[in-house]
PDB file of N, CA and C in Angstrom:
ATOM      1  N   MET A   1     -13.116  47.290 192.214  1.00  0.00           N
ATOM      2  CA  MET A   1     -14.211  47.733 191.381  1.00  0.00           C
ATOM      3  C   MET A   1     -14.369  49.252 191.461  1.00  0.00           C
ATOM      4  N   ASP A   2     -14.131  49.795 192.638  1.00  0.00           N
ATOM      5  CA  ASP A   2     -14.241  51.230 192.825  1.00  0.00           C
ATOM      6  C   ASP A   2     -13.169  51.963 192.010  1.00  0.00           C
ATOM      7  N   THR A   3     -11.971  51.389 191.943  1.00  0.00           N
ATOM      8  CA  THR A   3     -10.890  52.001 191.174  1.00  0.00           C
ATOM      9  C   THR A   3     -11.235  52.020 189.685  1.00  0.00           C
ATOM     10  N   LEU A   4     -11.789  50.931 189.204  1.00  0.00           N
ATOM     11  CA  LEU A   4     -12.220  50.875 187.805  1.00  0.00           C
ATOM     12  C   LEU A   4     -13.305  51.904 187.520  1.00  0.00           C
ATOM     13  N   SER A   5     -14.229  52.059 188.442  1.00  0.00           N
ATOM     14  CA  SER A   5     -15.294  53.040 188.277  1.00  0.00           C
ATOM     15  C   SER A   5     -14.730  54.460 188.202  1.00  0.00           C
ATOM     16  N   HIS A   6     -13.795  54.774 189.099  1.00  0.00           N
ATOM     17  CA  HIS A   6     -13.196  56.108 189.068  1.00  0.00           C
ATOM     18  C   HIS A   6     -12.416  56.350 187.778  1.00  0.00           C
ATOM     19  N   ALA A   7     -11.723  55.317 187.285  1.00  0.00           N
ATOM     20  CA  ALA A   7     -10.986  55.456 186.028  1.00  0.00           C
ATOM     21  C   ALA A   7     -11.941  55.714 184.857  1.00  0.00           C
ATOM     22  N   LEU A   8     -13.063  55.008 184.830  1.00  0.00           N
ATOM     23  CA  LEU A   8     -14.022  55.199 183.743  1.00  0.00           C
ATOM     24  C   LEU A   8     -14.715  56.559 183.833  1.00  0.00           C
ATOM     25  N   TRP A   9     -14.992  57.013 185.063  1.00  0.00           N
ATOM     26  CA  TRP A   9     -15.566  58.353 185.213  1.00  0.00           C
ATOM     27  C   TRP A   9     -14.574  59.417 184.750  1.00  0.00           C
ATOM     28  N   GLY A  10     -13.307  59.224 185.065  1.00  0.00           N
ATOM     29  CA  GLY A  10     -12.288  60.165 184.610  1.00  0.00           C
ATOM     30  C   GLY A  10     -12.221  60.224 183.094  1.00  0.00           C
ATOM     31  N   LYS A  11     -12.259  59.054 182.454  1.00  0.00           N
ATOM     32  CA  LYS A  11     -12.233  59.030 180.985  1.00  0.00           C
ATOM     33  C   LYS A  11     -13.506  59.624 180.406  1.00  0.00           C
ATOM     34  N   GLY A  12     -14.644  59.316 181.020  1.00  0.00           N
ATOM     35  CA  GLY A  12     -15.910  59.820 180.499  1.00  0.00           C
ATOM     36  C   GLY A  12     -16.041  61.325 180.609  1.00  0.00           C
ATOM     37  N   LEU A  13     -15.530  61.886 181.690  1.00  0.00           N
ATOM     38  CA  LEU A  13     -15.674  63.321 181.901  1.00  0.00           C
ATOM     39  C   LEU A  13     -14.566  64.149 181.259  1.00  0.00           C
ATOM     40  N   PHE A  14     -13.343  63.614 181.242  1.00  0.00           N
ATOM     41  CA  PHE A  14     -12.213  64.428 180.782  1.00  0.00           C
ATOM     42  C   PHE A  14     -11.425  63.799 179.641  1.00  0.00           C
ATOM     43  N   GLY A  15     -11.791  62.611 179.189  1.00  0.00           N
ATOM     44  CA  GLY A  15     -11.025  61.932 178.159  1.00  0.00           C
ATOM     45  C   GLY A  15     -11.392  62.311 176.742  1.00  0.00           C
ATOM     46  N   TYR A  16     -12.332  63.189 176.574  1.00  0.00           N
ATOM     47  CA  TYR A  16     -12.786  63.544 175.232  1.00  0.00           C
ATOM     48  C   TYR A  16     -11.818  64.450 174.494  1.00  0.00           C
ATOM     49  N   SER A  17     -10.907  65.089 175.202  1.00  0.00           N
ATOM     50  CA  SER A  17     -10.026  66.075 174.562  1.00  0.00           C
ATOM     51  C   SER A  17      -8.721  65.474 174.054  1.00  0.00           C
ATOM     52  N   GLY A  18      -8.636  64.159 173.941  1.00  0.00           N
ATOM     53  CA  GLY A  18      -7.450  63.527 173.393  1.00  0.00           C
ATOM     54  C   GLY A  18      -6.465  63.039 174.441  1.00  0.00           C
ATOM     55  N   TYR A  19      -6.756  63.250 175.681  1.00  0.00           N
ATOM     56  CA  TYR A  19      -5.869  62.808 176.755  1.00  0.00           C
ATOM     57  C   TYR A  19      -6.545  61.705 177.569  1.00  0.00           C
ATOM     58  N   SER A  20      -7.027  60.682 176.907  1.00  0.00           N
ATOM     59  CA  SER A  20      -7.807  59.666 177.604  1.00  0.00           C
ATOM     60  C   SER A  20      -6.973  58.871 178.597  1.00  0.00           C
ATOM     61  N   LYS A  21      -5.730  58.539 178.266  1.00  0.00           N
ATOM     62  CA  LYS A  21      -4.896  57.776 179.203  1.00  0.00           C
ATOM     63  C   LYS A  21      -4.576  58.599 180.444  1.00  0.00           C
ATOM     64  N   LEU A  22      -4.357  59.866 180.265  1.00  0.00           N
ATOM     65  CA  LEU A  22      -4.080  60.745 181.401  1.00  0.00           C
ATOM     66  C   LEU A  22      -5.330  60.906 182.272  1.00  0.00           C
ATOM     67  N   ALA A  23      -6.489  60.982 181.653  1.00  0.00           N
ATOM     68  CA  ALA A  23      -7.740  61.089 182.407  1.00  0.00           C
ATOM     69  C   ALA A  23      -8.018  59.809 183.191  1.00  0.00           C
ATOM     70  N   ILE A  24      -7.728  58.662 182.614  1.00  0.00           N
ATOM     71  CA  ILE A  24      -7.902  57.389 183.313  1.00  0.00           C
ATOM     72  C   ILE A  24      -6.959  57.315 184.505  1.00  0.00           C
ATOM     73  N   PHE A  25      -5.706  57.723 184.307  1.00  0.00           N
ATOM     74  CA  PHE A  25      -4.727  57.692 185.394  1.00  0.00           C
ATOM     75  C   PHE A  25      -5.136  58.592 186.547  1.00  0.00           C
ATOM     76  N   PHE A  26      -5.511  59.829 186.263  1.00  0.00           N
ATOM     77  CA  PHE A  26      -5.873  60.749 187.334  1.00  0.00           C
ATOM     78  C   PHE A  26      -7.215  60.389 187.975  1.00  0.00           C
ATOM     79  N   GLY A  27      -8.071  59.670 187.273  1.00  0.00           N
ATOM     80  CA  GLY A  27      -9.307  59.197 187.871  1.00  0.00           C
ATOM     81  C   GLY A  27      -9.063  58.087 188.884  1.00  0.00           C
ATOM     82  N   ALA A  28      -8.103  57.216 188.589  1.00  0.00           N
ATOM     83  CA  ALA A  28      -7.818  56.082 189.467  1.00  0.00           C
ATOM     84  C   ALA A  28      -6.703  56.365 190.463  1.00  0.00           C
ATOM     85  N   MET A  29      -5.973  57.463 190.297  1.00  0.00           N
ATOM     86  CA  MET A  29      -4.792  57.752 191.121  1.00  0.00           C
ATOM     87  C   MET A  29      -5.069  57.784 192.625  1.00  0.00           C
ATOM     88  N   PRO A  30      -6.131  58.421 193.131  1.00  0.00           N
ATOM     89  CA  PRO A  30      -6.333  58.420 194.591  1.00  0.00           C
ATOM     90  C   PRO A  30      -6.502  57.014 195.176  1.00  0.00           C
ATOM     91  N   ASP A  31      -7.178  56.141 194.443  1.00  0.00           N
ATOM     92  CA  ASP A  31      -7.351  54.774 194.922  1.00  0.00           C
ATOM     93  C   ASP A  31      -6.039  53.996 194.858  1.00  0.00           C
ATOM     94  N   LEU A  32      -5.303  54.182 193.782  1.00  0.00           N
ATOM     95  CA  LEU A  32      -4.059  53.440 193.619  1.00  0.00           C
ATOM     96  C   LEU A  32      -3.002  53.870 194.622  1.00  0.00           C
ATOM     97  N   PHE A  33      -2.932  55.135 194.932  1.00  0.00           N
ATOM     98  CA  PHE A  33      -1.907  55.622 195.851  1.00  0.00           C
ATOM     99  C   PHE A  33      -2.240  55.339 197.308  1.00  0.00           C
ATOM    100  N   SER A  34      -3.494  55.145 197.631  1.00  0.00           N
ATOM    101  CA  SER A  34      -3.832  54.863 199.033  1.00  0.00           C
ATOM    102  C   SER A  34      -3.926  53.357 199.260  1.00  0.00           C
ATOM    103  N   PHE A  35      -4.950  52.732 198.724  1.00  0.00           N
ATOM    104  CA  PHE A  35      -5.134  51.311 198.991  1.00  0.00           C
ATOM    105  C   PHE A  35      -4.174  50.442 198.193  1.00  0.00           C
ATOM    106  N   GLY A  36      -3.721  50.891 197.041  1.00  0.00           N
ATOM    107  CA  GLY A  36      -2.710  50.143 196.295  1.00  0.00           C
ATOM    108  C   GLY A  36      -1.410  50.066 197.059  1.00  0.00           C
ATOM    109  N   LEU A  37      -1.025  51.168 197.681  1.00  0.00           N
ATOM    110  CA  LEU A  37       0.179  51.196 198.501  1.00  0.00           C
ATOM    111  C   LEU A  37       0.015  50.306 199.728  1.00  0.00           C
ATOM    112  N   LEU A  38      -1.166  50.300 200.323  1.00  0.00           N
ATOM    113  CA  LEU A  38      -1.436  49.439 201.479  1.00  0.00           C
ATOM    114  C   LEU A  38      -1.325  47.963 201.087  1.00  0.00           C
ATOM    115  N   ILE A  39      -1.829  47.597 199.934  1.00  0.00           N
ATOM    116  CA  ILE A  39      -1.736  46.209 199.476  1.00  0.00           C
ATOM    117  C   ILE A  39      -0.283  45.814 199.267  1.00  0.00           C
ATOM    118  N   ILE A  40       0.522  46.681 198.665  1.00  0.00           N
ATOM    119  CA  ILE A  40       1.941  46.391 198.442  1.00  0.00           C
ATOM    120  C   ILE A  40       2.671  46.235 199.768  1.00  0.00           C
ATOM    121  N   ILE A  41       2.395  47.115 200.729  1.00  0.00           N
ATOM    122  CA  ILE A  41       3.032  47.018 202.048  1.00  0.00           C
ATOM    123  C   ILE A  41       2.673  45.698 202.719  1.00  0.00           C
ATOM    124  N   ARG A  42       1.410  45.318 202.656  1.00  0.00           N
ATOM    125  CA  ARG A  42       0.993  44.058 203.292  1.00  0.00           C
ATOM    126  C   ARG A  42       1.587  42.845 202.594  1.00  0.00           C
ATOM    127  N   LEU A  43       1.778  42.908 201.285  1.00  0.00           N
ATOM    128  CA  LEU A  43       2.416  41.796 200.582  1.00  0.00           C
ATOM    129  C   LEU A  43       3.869  41.641 201.009  1.00  0.00           C
ATOM    130  N   PHE A  44       4.588  42.755 201.159  1.00  0.00           N
ATOM    131  CA  PHE A  44       5.976  42.679 201.598  1.00  0.00           C
ATOM    132  C   PHE A  44       6.101  42.237 203.050  1.00  0.00           C
ATOM    133  N   GLN A  45       5.104  42.512 203.860  1.00  0.00           N
ATOM    134  CA  GLN A  45       5.110  42.072 205.258  1.00  0.00           C
ATOM    135  C   GLN A  45       4.680  40.619 205.399  1.00  0.00           C
ATOM    136  N   GLY A  46       4.151  40.026 204.346  1.00  0.00           N
ATOM    137  CA  GLY A  46       3.706  38.635 204.393  1.00  0.00           C
ATOM    138  C   GLY A  46       2.320  38.471 204.975  1.00  0.00           C
ATOM    139  N   ASP A  47       1.527  39.512 204.974  1.00  0.00           N
ATOM    140  CA  ASP A  47       0.168  39.463 205.519  1.00  0.00           C
ATOM    141  C   ASP A  47      -0.806  39.136 204.390  1.00  0.00           C
ATOM    142  N   TYR A  48      -0.977  37.829 204.123  1.00  0.00           N
ATOM    143  CA  TYR A  48      -1.822  37.379 203.023  1.00  0.00           C
ATOM    144  C   TYR A  48      -3.206  36.966 203.470  1.00  0.00           C
ATOM    145  N   ASN A  49      -3.509  37.085 204.732  1.00  0.00           N
ATOM    146  CA  ASN A  49      -4.789  36.614 205.263  1.00  0.00           C
ATOM    147  C   ASN A  49      -5.931  37.532 204.841  1.00  0.00           C
ATOM    148  N   TYR A  50      -7.015  36.914 204.444  1.00  0.00           N
ATOM    149  CA  TYR A  50      -8.233  37.656 204.133  1.00  0.00           C
ATOM    150  C   TYR A  50      -9.370  36.981 204.866  1.00  0.00           C
ATOM    151  N   SER A  51      -9.943  37.681 205.817  1.00  0.00           N
ATOM    152  CA  SER A  51     -11.041  37.106 206.594  1.00  0.00           C
ATOM    153  C   SER A  51     -12.256  38.024 206.540  1.00  0.00           C
ATOM    154  N   GLY A  52     -12.594  38.473 205.351  1.00  0.00           N
ATOM    155  CA  GLY A  52     -13.742  39.355 205.199  1.00  0.00           C
ATOM    156  C   GLY A  52     -13.319  40.808 205.193  1.00  0.00           C
ATOM    157  N   PRO A  53     -14.271  41.702 205.239  1.00  0.00           N
ATOM    158  CA  PRO A  53     -13.952  43.141 205.219  1.00  0.00           C
ATOM    159  C   PRO A  53     -13.130  43.533 206.450  1.00  0.00           C
ATOM    160  N   PRO A  54     -12.152  44.417 206.268  1.00  0.00           N
ATOM    161  CA  PRO A  54     -11.319  44.808 207.407  1.00  0.00           C
ATOM    162  C   PRO A  54     -12.076  45.721 208.366  1.00  0.00           C
ATOM    163  N   SER A  55     -11.684  45.641 209.625  1.00  0.00           N
ATOM    164  CA  SER A  55     -12.258  46.565 210.598  1.00  0.00           C
ATOM    165  C   SER A  55     -11.550  47.910 210.467  1.00  0.00           C
ATOM    166  N   LEU A  56     -12.167  48.957 210.943  1.00  0.00           N
ATOM    167  CA  LEU A  56     -11.549  50.284 210.846  1.00  0.00           C
ATOM    168  C   LEU A  56     -10.266  50.388 211.658  1.00  0.00           C
ATOM    169  N   ASP A  57     -10.142  49.569 212.694  1.00  0.00           N
ATOM    170  CA  ASP A  57      -8.929  49.583 213.503  1.00  0.00           C
ATOM    171  C   ASP A  57      -7.726  49.018 212.764  1.00  0.00           C
ATOM    172  N   SER A  58      -7.954  48.142 211.795  1.00  0.00           N
ATOM    173  CA  SER A  58      -6.840  47.533 211.079  1.00  0.00           C
ATOM    174  C   SER A  58      -6.359  48.379 209.903  1.00  0.00           C
ATOM    175  N   ILE A  59      -7.078  49.425 209.551  1.00  0.00           N
ATOM    176  CA  ILE A  59      -6.678  50.308 208.455  1.00  0.00           C
ATOM    177  C   ILE A  59      -5.819  51.433 209.026  1.00  0.00           C
ATOM    178  N   PRO A  60      -4.625  51.677 208.457  1.00  0.00           N
ATOM    179  CA  PRO A  60      -3.749  52.721 208.997  1.00  0.00           C
ATOM    180  C   PRO A  60      -4.369  54.112 208.921  1.00  0.00           C
ATOM    181  N   GLY A  61      -3.946  54.976 209.811  1.00  0.00           N
ATOM    182  CA  GLY A  61      -4.485  56.327 209.886  1.00  0.00           C
ATOM    183  C   GLY A  61      -4.150  57.191 208.687  1.00  0.00           C
ATOM    184  N   TRP A  62      -3.047  56.866 207.958  1.00  0.00           N
ATOM    185  CA  TRP A  62      -2.669  57.706 206.826  1.00  0.00           C
ATOM    186  C   TRP A  62      -3.594  57.520 205.629  1.00  0.00           C
ATOM    187  N   LEU A  63      -4.541  56.592 205.694  1.00  0.00           N
ATOM    188  CA  LEU A  63      -5.521  56.439 204.630  1.00  0.00           C
ATOM    189  C   LEU A  63      -6.752  57.320 204.812  1.00  0.00           C
ATOM    190  N   PHE A  64      -6.872  57.935 205.974  1.00  0.00           N
ATOM    191  CA  PHE A  64      -8.024  58.774 206.278  1.00  0.00           C
ATOM    192  C   PHE A  64      -7.659  60.236 206.171  1.00  0.00           C
ATOM    193  N   PHE A  65      -8.585  61.031 205.687  1.00  0.00           N
ATOM    194  CA  PHE A  65      -8.416  62.484 205.608  1.00  0.00           C
ATOM    195  C   PHE A  65      -9.324  63.111 206.638  1.00  0.00           C
ATOM    196  N   GLN A  66      -8.733  63.847 207.573  1.00  0.00           N
ATOM    197  CA  GLN A  66      -9.521  64.458 208.617  1.00  0.00           C
ATOM    198  C   GLN A  66      -9.286  65.954 208.590  1.00  0.00           C
ATOM    199  N   LEU A  67     -10.334  66.696 208.808  1.00  0.00           N
ATOM    200  CA  LEU A  67     -10.226  68.155 208.852  1.00  0.00           C
ATOM    201  C   LEU A  67      -9.934  68.634 210.246  1.00  0.00           C
TER     202      LEU A  67
END
């Protein structure tokens, strides 16, 4: 749902100039490249279990941005 929201915000803010598909892509790109990649990796590993929201320990460190 968050990815859809970001895509719609991208289209709403930057899609008026005729590049709506590009605005949708760049709005959703951070979500797709981080958690989308994590979902693909888990599917290839055979980790299909869903037992509620994940703990922070189970999320890889490359998904976090630290200063």
